[in-house]
């Protein structure tokens, strides 16, 4: 492996680790907002996780946000009844 290839591999690995870390933070933020009874919105999740809203809408994350939003809506409706 050449030096350039080794550097490229190291950069790719670091980028992948950073992406995984950000996704974990987003999922943790969704859960924390839900536990706190706070609105689970893309902006709130992004702010709590310290990431961009773009990431919150990414495949694999967006589904969790929609699921939590649906749960929050149901809980709000139950409180009205």
Protein backbone atom coordinates (compact mmCIF):
# COMPACT_ATOMS: atom_id res chain seq x y z
CA UNK A 1 0.00 0.00 0.00
CA UNK A 2 1.40 3.38 -0.92
CA UNK A 3 1.54 6.27 1.49
CA UNK A 4 -1.24 8.09 -0.38
CA UNK A 5 -3.48 5.02 -0.25
CA UNK A 6 -2.79 4.58 3.46
CA UNK A 7 -3.66 8.22 4.13
CA UNK A 8 -6.82 7.96 2.05
CA UNK A 9 -7.86 4.83 3.94
CA UNK A 10 -7.23 6.55 7.25
CA UNK A 11 -9.30 9.56 6.21
CA UNK A 12 -12.15 7.34 5.04
CA UNK A 13 -12.12 5.41 8.31
CA UNK A 14 -12.14 8.65 10.33
CA UNK A 15 -15.02 10.01 8.26
CA UNK A 16 -17.03 6.81 8.73
CA UNK A 17 -16.43 6.92 12.49
CA UNK A 18 -17.52 10.57 12.61
CA UNK A 19 -20.70 9.77 10.65
CA UNK A 20 -21.57 6.90 12.98
CA UNK A 21 -20.98 9.12 16.01
CA UNK A 22 -23.28 11.84 14.64
CA UNK A 23 -26.00 9.31 13.85
CA UNK A 24 -25.77 7.90 17.39
CA UNK A 25 -26.07 11.43 18.80
CA UNK A 26 -29.16 12.09 16.68
CA UNK A 27 -30.85 8.90 17.85
CA UNK A 28 -29.96 9.70 21.46
CA UNK A 29 -31.36 13.22 21.03
CA UNK A 30 -34.63 11.85 19.65
CA UNK A 31 -34.95 9.58 22.68
CA UNK A 32 -34.00 12.35 25.13
CA UNK A 33 -36.55 14.77 23.67
CA UNK A 34 -39.22 12.09 23.78
CA UNK A 35 -38.36 11.23 27.40
CA UNK A 36 -38.51 14.90 28.34
CA UNK A 37 -41.91 15.29 26.69
CA UNK A 38 -40.50 17.95 24.38
CA UNK A 39 -41.58 18.28 20.74
CA UNK A 40 -39.54 15.99 18.51
CA UNK A 41 -38.88 18.19 15.50
CA UNK A 42 -36.02 18.10 13.03
CA UNK A 43 -34.71 21.43 14.30
CA UNK A 44 -34.93 20.39 17.96
CA UNK A 45 -33.18 17.08 17.28
CA UNK A 46 -30.44 18.73 15.22
CA UNK A 47 -29.81 21.33 17.91
CA UNK A 48 -29.78 18.78 20.72
CA UNK A 49 -27.43 16.48 18.79
CA UNK A 50 -25.17 19.27 17.54
CA UNK A 51 -25.64 18.32 13.89
CA UNK A 52 -27.22 19.86 10.81
CA UNK A 53 -30.87 19.36 10.00
CA UNK A 54 -29.68 17.77 6.76
CA UNK A 55 -28.45 14.76 8.74
CA UNK A 56 -31.75 14.46 10.60
CA UNK A 57 -33.51 14.05 7.24
CA UNK A 58 -31.01 11.45 5.96
CA UNK A 59 -32.11 7.89 5.24
CA UNK A 60 -31.95 5.73 8.33
CA UNK A 61 -32.49 8.70 10.64
CA UNK A 62 -35.62 10.28 9.19
CA UNK A 63 -37.62 7.13 9.96
CA UNK A 64 -36.82 7.43 13.67
CA UNK A 65 -37.85 11.07 13.68
CA UNK A 66 -41.18 10.28 12.04
CA UNK A 67 -41.80 7.44 14.46
CA UNK A 68 -41.15 9.66 17.48
CA UNK A 69 -43.23 12.51 16.00
CA UNK A 70 -46.11 10.10 15.58
CA UNK A 71 -45.71 8.88 19.17
CA UNK A 72 -45.63 12.48 20.42
CA UNK A 73 -48.79 13.33 18.49
CA UNK A 74 -50.60 10.33 19.97
CA UNK A 75 -49.54 11.28 23.48
CA UNK A 76 -50.75 14.86 22.93
CA UNK A 77 -54.10 13.60 21.71
CA UNK A 78 -54.45 11.28 24.72
CA UNK A 79 -53.86 14.21 27.07
CA UNK A 80 -56.74 16.08 25.44
CA UNK A 81 -59.16 13.21 26.05
